[in-house]
């Protein structure tokens, strides 16, 4: 007798570099933020997104910015009409802190 096993797809976790002013906006809005990204990673709905924040003008990593400690979930991926080829617009919502993600064994915080 064969038993069916439910396939579980673990979401991919991506890290995106953003300028400090964009990081501030993401933190402020927290829900429904649109982010334009190069689609070299084949983003999909349900993927998780973390951020590295670059300081304005110098391009170095801002290690104290609050966005660095947060994880967002991709809730929609838009491409095609009106969006430059090779790019996507991601709609993201706050998911959890990086610590909560690390504490969760299956990575689905």
N, C-alpha and C. Protein backbone atom coordinates (compact mmCIF):
# COMPACT_ATOMS: atom_id res chain seq x y z
N UNK A 1 0.84 -1.18 0.00
CA UNK A 1 0.00 0.00 0.00
C UNK A 1 0.89 1.25 0.00
N UNK A 2 0.64 2.12 -0.94
CA UNK A 2 1.40 3.37 -1.02
C UNK A 2 0.71 4.43 -0.19
N UNK A 3 1.53 5.22 0.49
CA UNK A 3 0.98 6.36 1.22
C UNK A 3 1.47 7.63 0.57
N UNK A 4 0.59 8.58 0.48
CA UNK A 4 0.96 9.88 -0.10
C UNK A 4 1.60 10.73 0.98
N UNK A 5 2.69 11.33 0.63
CA UNK A 5 3.31 12.28 1.55
C UNK A 5 3.15 13.67 0.98
N UNK A 6 2.75 14.56 1.83
CA UNK A 6 2.55 15.93 1.41
C UNK A 6 3.90 16.61 1.25
N UNK A 7 4.13 17.14 0.08
CA UNK A 7 5.38 17.85 -0.18
C UNK A 7 5.31 19.24 0.44
N UNK A 8 6.29 19.55 1.25
CA UNK A 8 6.33 20.88 1.86
C UNK A 8 7.47 21.67 1.23
N UNK A 9 7.14 22.80 0.70
CA UNK A 9 8.15 23.66 0.08
C UNK A 9 8.55 24.73 1.08
N UNK A 10 9.79 24.67 1.49
CA UNK A 10 10.33 25.67 2.39
C UNK A 10 10.58 26.94 1.58
N UNK A 11 10.17 28.09 2.09
CA UNK A 11 10.41 29.32 1.32
C UNK A 11 11.89 29.64 1.22
N UNK A 12 12.27 30.24 0.11
CA UNK A 12 13.64 30.72 -0.04
C UNK A 12 13.82 31.97 0.80
N UNK A 13 15.02 32.17 1.32
CA UNK A 13 15.34 33.38 2.08
C UNK A 13 16.34 34.17 1.27
N UNK A 14 15.97 35.41 0.93
CA UNK A 14 16.82 36.28 0.12
C UNK A 14 17.27 37.47 0.96
N UNK A 15 18.44 38.00 0.65
CA UNK A 15 18.90 39.23 1.29
C UNK A 15 19.05 40.28 0.20
N UNK A 16 18.43 41.43 0.42
CA UNK A 16 18.50 42.53 -0.54
C UNK A 16 19.22 43.72 0.09
N UNK A 17 20.02 44.41 -0.71
CA UNK A 17 20.69 45.63 -0.24
C UNK A 17 19.79 46.82 -0.58
N UNK A 18 19.56 47.68 0.42
CA UNK A 18 18.74 48.88 0.20
C UNK A 18 19.45 50.08 0.81
N UNK A 19 19.18 51.24 0.24
CA UNK A 19 19.71 52.50 0.80
C UNK A 19 18.95 52.82 2.08
N UNK A 20 19.59 53.61 2.93
CA UNK A 20 19.03 53.94 4.23
C UNK A 20 17.65 54.60 4.14
N UNK A 21 17.43 55.48 3.16
CA UNK A 21 16.13 56.15 3.06
C UNK A 21 15.02 55.16 2.70
N UNK A 22 15.33 54.14 1.90
CA UNK A 22 14.35 53.11 1.57
C UNK A 22 14.10 52.23 2.80
N UNK A 23 15.16 51.91 3.54
CA UNK A 23 15.03 51.11 4.76
C UNK A 23 14.12 51.82 5.77
N UNK A 24 14.29 53.14 5.90
CA UNK A 24 13.44 53.92 6.81
C UNK A 24 11.98 53.81 6.40
N UNK A 25 11.70 53.87 5.10
CA UNK A 25 10.32 53.79 4.60
C UNK A 25 9.72 52.40 4.86
N UNK A 26 10.51 51.37 4.65
CA UNK A 26 10.02 50.01 4.89
C UNK A 26 9.67 49.85 6.37
N UNK A 27 10.53 50.33 7.26
CA UNK A 27 10.25 50.25 8.70
C UNK A 27 9.01 51.03 9.08
N UNK A 28 8.84 52.20 8.50
CA UNK A 28 7.71 53.06 8.83
C UNK A 28 6.39 52.44 8.38
N UNK A 29 6.35 51.93 7.15
CA UNK A 29 5.10 51.42 6.58
C UNK A 29 4.77 50.02 7.09
N UNK A 30 5.76 49.18 7.25
CA UNK A 30 5.64 47.83 7.81
C UNK A 30 4.74 46.86 7.04
N UNK A 31 3.69 47.32 6.41
CA UNK A 31 2.80 46.42 5.67
C UNK A 31 2.59 46.96 4.26
N UNK A 32 2.52 46.04 3.33
CA UNK A 32 2.18 46.40 1.97
C UNK A 32 3.20 47.28 1.28
N UNK A 33 4.46 47.10 1.56
CA UNK A 33 5.51 47.90 0.95
C UNK A 33 5.88 47.31 -0.40
N UNK A 34 6.06 48.16 -1.40
CA UNK A 34 6.49 47.73 -2.72
C UNK A 34 7.99 47.95 -2.86
N UNK A 35 8.69 46.93 -3.33
CA UNK A 35 10.13 47.00 -3.51
C UNK A 35 10.46 46.56 -4.93
N UNK A 36 11.21 47.36 -5.68
CA UNK A 36 11.64 46.99 -7.02
C UNK A 36 12.96 46.26 -6.91
N UNK A 37 13.03 45.07 -7.47
CA UNK A 37 14.24 44.24 -7.38
C UNK A 37 14.57 43.61 -8.72
N UNK A 38 15.86 43.42 -8.97
CA UNK A 38 16.31 42.63 -10.10
C UNK A 38 15.85 41.20 -9.80
N UNK A 39 15.26 40.52 -10.78
CA UNK A 39 14.72 39.19 -10.54
C UNK A 39 15.73 38.09 -10.81
N UNK A 40 16.99 38.32 -10.48
CA UNK A 40 18.02 37.31 -10.69
C UNK A 40 17.87 36.13 -9.73
N UNK A 41 17.01 36.26 -8.73
CA UNK A 41 16.82 35.19 -7.74
C UNK A 41 15.48 34.47 -7.91
N UNK A 42 14.73 34.82 -8.92
CA UNK A 42 13.43 34.19 -9.18
C UNK A 42 12.52 34.22 -7.95
N UNK A 43 12.23 35.43 -7.48
CA UNK A 43 11.37 35.61 -6.31
C UNK A 43 10.01 34.96 -6.54
N UNK A 44 9.45 34.41 -5.46
CA UNK A 44 8.13 33.81 -5.51
C UNK A 44 7.34 34.22 -4.27
N UNK A 45 6.02 34.22 -4.42
CA UNK A 45 5.15 34.49 -3.29
C UNK A 45 5.48 33.50 -2.18
N UNK A 46 5.60 34.00 -0.95
CA UNK A 46 5.93 33.16 0.19
C UNK A 46 7.41 33.18 0.56
N UNK A 47 8.27 33.65 -0.35
CA UNK A 47 9.69 33.76 -0.03
C UNK A 47 9.89 34.77 1.10
N UNK A 48 10.99 34.63 1.81
CA UNK A 48 11.31 35.55 2.90
C UNK A 48 12.43 36.47 2.47
N UNK A 49 12.39 37.70 2.97
CA UNK A 49 13.33 38.72 2.55
C UNK A 49 13.94 39.40 3.78
N UNK A 50 15.27 39.45 3.80
CA UNK A 50 15.99 40.21 4.82
C UNK A 50 16.74 41.32 4.08
N UNK A 51 17.20 42.30 4.84
CA UNK A 51 17.82 43.45 4.20
C UNK A 51 19.18 43.78 4.82
N UNK A 52 20.09 44.20 3.95
CA UNK A 52 21.33 44.84 4.36
C UNK A 52 21.15 46.30 4.00
N UNK A 53 21.35 47.18 4.97
CA UNK A 53 21.11 48.61 4.77
C UNK A 53 22.44 49.31 4.51
N UNK A 54 22.48 50.08 3.41
CA UNK A 54 23.67 50.87 3.06
C UNK A 54 23.49 52.31 3.53
N UNK A 55 24.53 52.84 4.17
CA UNK A 55 24.48 54.24 4.59
C UNK A 55 24.51 55.15 3.38
N UNK A 56 23.75 56.22 3.45
CA UNK A 56 23.67 57.19 2.36
C UNK A 56 25.04 57.79 2.07
N UNK A 57 25.37 57.89 0.81
CA UNK A 57 26.56 58.58 0.38
C UNK A 57 27.85 57.79 0.42
N UNK A 58 27.97 56.82 1.33
CA UNK A 58 29.24 56.10 1.42
C UNK A 58 29.14 54.63 1.03
N UNK A 59 27.92 54.10 0.99
CA UNK A 59 27.72 52.72 0.53
C UNK A 59 28.17 51.63 1.48
N UNK A 60 28.57 51.99 2.70
CA UNK A 60 28.97 50.98 3.68
C UNK A 60 27.74 50.45 4.41
N UNK A 61 27.85 49.25 4.94
CA UNK A 61 26.72 48.66 5.65
C UNK A 61 26.44 49.40 6.95
N UNK A 62 25.16 49.69 7.18
CA UNK A 62 24.71 50.31 8.42
C UNK A 62 24.33 49.17 9.36
N UNK A 63 25.18 48.88 10.32
CA UNK A 63 24.97 47.71 11.17
C UNK A 63 23.97 47.94 12.30
N UNK A 64 23.54 49.17 12.53
CA UNK A 64 22.63 49.45 13.64
C UNK A 64 21.18 49.66 13.19
N UNK A 65 20.93 49.76 11.91
CA UNK A 65 19.57 50.05 11.43
C UNK A 65 18.59 48.95 11.84
N UNK A 66 17.41 49.33 12.30
CA UNK A 66 16.41 48.39 12.78
C UNK A 66 15.93 47.38 11.75
N UNK A 67 15.97 47.75 10.47
CA UNK A 67 15.50 46.85 9.41
C UNK A 67 16.37 45.60 9.32
N UNK A 68 17.62 45.74 9.72
CA UNK A 68 18.57 44.62 9.66
C UNK A 68 18.11 43.42 10.47
N UNK A 69 17.31 43.65 11.50
CA UNK A 69 16.87 42.58 12.41
C UNK A 69 15.50 42.01 12.04
N UNK A 70 14.93 42.41 10.90
CA UNK A 70 13.57 41.98 10.57
C UNK A 70 13.52 41.11 9.33
N UNK A 71 12.47 40.30 9.26
CA UNK A 71 12.23 39.42 8.13
C UNK A 71 10.86 39.76 7.55
N UNK A 72 10.80 39.88 6.23
CA UNK A 72 9.56 40.19 5.54
C UNK A 72 9.18 39.04 4.62
N UNK A 73 7.87 38.87 4.41
CA UNK A 73 7.39 37.83 3.50
C UNK A 73 6.92 38.48 2.21
N UNK A 74 7.29 37.87 1.09
CA UNK A 74 6.82 38.33 -0.21
C UNK A 74 5.38 37.86 -0.37
N UNK A 75 4.44 38.81 -0.46
CA UNK A 75 3.02 38.44 -0.57
C UNK A 75 2.52 38.47 -2.01
N UNK A 76 3.21 39.19 -2.88
CA UNK A 76 2.89 39.19 -4.31
C UNK A 76 4.13 39.59 -5.09
N UNK A 77 4.22 39.06 -6.31
CA UNK A 77 5.33 39.37 -7.21
C UNK A 77 4.72 39.86 -8.51
N UNK A 78 5.05 41.07 -8.91
CA UNK A 78 4.53 41.65 -10.15
C UNK A 78 5.65 41.79 -11.17
N UNK A 79 5.36 41.42 -12.40
CA UNK A 79 6.33 41.58 -13.49
C UNK A 79 5.56 41.80 -14.78
N UNK A 80 6.30 42.10 -15.84
CA UNK A 80 5.65 42.27 -17.14
C UNK A 80 5.28 43.70 -17.43
N UNK A 81 4.07 43.90 -17.86
CA UNK A 81 3.59 45.19 -18.35
C UNK A 81 3.97 46.36 -17.44
N UNK A 82 4.73 47.29 -18.01
CA UNK A 82 5.11 48.50 -17.29
C UNK A 82 6.32 48.36 -16.38
N UNK A 83 6.85 47.15 -16.26
CA UNK A 83 8.01 46.92 -15.40
C UNK A 83 9.17 46.51 -16.29
N UNK A 84 10.32 47.14 -16.07
CA UNK A 84 11.49 46.87 -16.90
C UNK A 84 11.80 45.37 -16.94
N UNK A 85 12.08 44.83 -18.13
CA UNK A 85 12.40 43.40 -18.24
C UNK A 85 13.54 43.01 -17.29
N UNK A 86 13.38 41.86 -16.64
CA UNK A 86 14.39 41.38 -15.70
C UNK A 86 14.17 41.86 -14.27
N UNK A 87 13.19 42.74 -14.08
CA UNK A 87 12.88 43.27 -12.75
C UNK A 87 11.49 42.85 -12.32
N UNK A 88 11.26 42.85 -11.01
CA UNK A 88 9.95 42.59 -10.44
C UNK A 88 9.66 43.61 -9.35
N UNK A 89 8.39 43.82 -9.07
CA UNK A 89 7.97 44.61 -7.93
C UNK A 89 7.45 43.62 -6.91
N UNK A 90 8.00 43.69 -5.71
CA UNK A 90 7.61 42.78 -4.64
C UNK A 90 6.72 43.52 -3.65
N UNK A 91 5.61 42.93 -3.30
CA UNK A 91 4.77 43.43 -2.22
C UNK A 91 5.16 42.61 -0.99
N UNK A 92 5.59 43.29 0.07
CA UNK A 92 6.09 42.58 1.25
C UNK A 92 5.35 43.02 2.50
N UNK A 93 5.26 42.10 3.46
CA UNK A 93 4.69 42.37 4.78
C UNK A 93 5.65 41.85 5.84
N UNK A 94 5.66 42.51 6.98
CA UNK A 94 6.50 42.07 8.10
C UNK A 94 6.11 40.65 8.49
N UNK A 95 7.10 39.80 8.71
CA UNK A 95 6.88 38.40 9.09
C UNK A 95 7.30 38.15 10.53
N UNK A 96 8.57 38.44 10.87
CA UNK A 96 9.08 38.17 12.21
C UNK A 96 10.47 38.80 12.34
N UNK A 97 11.06 38.63 13.51
CA UNK A 97 12.43 39.09 13.69
C UNK A 97 13.38 37.99 13.20
N UNK A 98 14.62 38.36 12.93
CA UNK A 98 15.61 37.35 12.53
C UNK A 98 15.81 36.32 13.63
N UNK A 99 15.74 36.75 14.89
CA UNK A 99 15.90 35.81 16.00
C UNK A 99 14.77 34.78 16.01
N UNK A 100 13.54 35.23 15.77
CA UNK A 100 12.41 34.29 15.72
C UNK A 100 12.58 33.30 14.58
N UNK A 101 13.11 33.76 13.46
CA UNK A 101 13.32 32.87 12.31
C UNK A 101 14.37 31.82 12.65
N UNK A 102 15.44 32.24 13.32
CA UNK A 102 16.50 31.31 13.72
C UNK A 102 15.99 30.29 14.74
N UNK A 103 15.12 30.74 15.65
CA UNK A 103 14.60 29.86 16.70
C UNK A 103 13.64 28.80 16.17
N UNK A 104 13.04 29.07 15.02
CA UNK A 104 12.06 28.15 14.45
C UNK A 104 12.78 27.11 13.59
N UNK A 105 12.75 25.89 13.99
CA UNK A 105 13.49 24.82 13.32
C UNK A 105 13.19 24.68 11.84
N UNK A 106 11.91 24.85 11.46
CA UNK A 106 11.58 24.63 10.06
C UNK A 106 11.71 25.88 9.21
N UNK A 107 12.07 27.02 9.78
CA UNK A 107 12.29 28.24 9.01
C UNK A 107 11.04 28.93 8.54
N UNK A 108 9.88 28.52 9.01
CA UNK A 108 8.62 29.14 8.58
C UNK A 108 8.03 30.01 9.66
N UNK A 109 8.84 30.63 10.45
CA UNK A 109 8.47 31.49 11.56
C UNK A 109 7.02 31.71 11.77
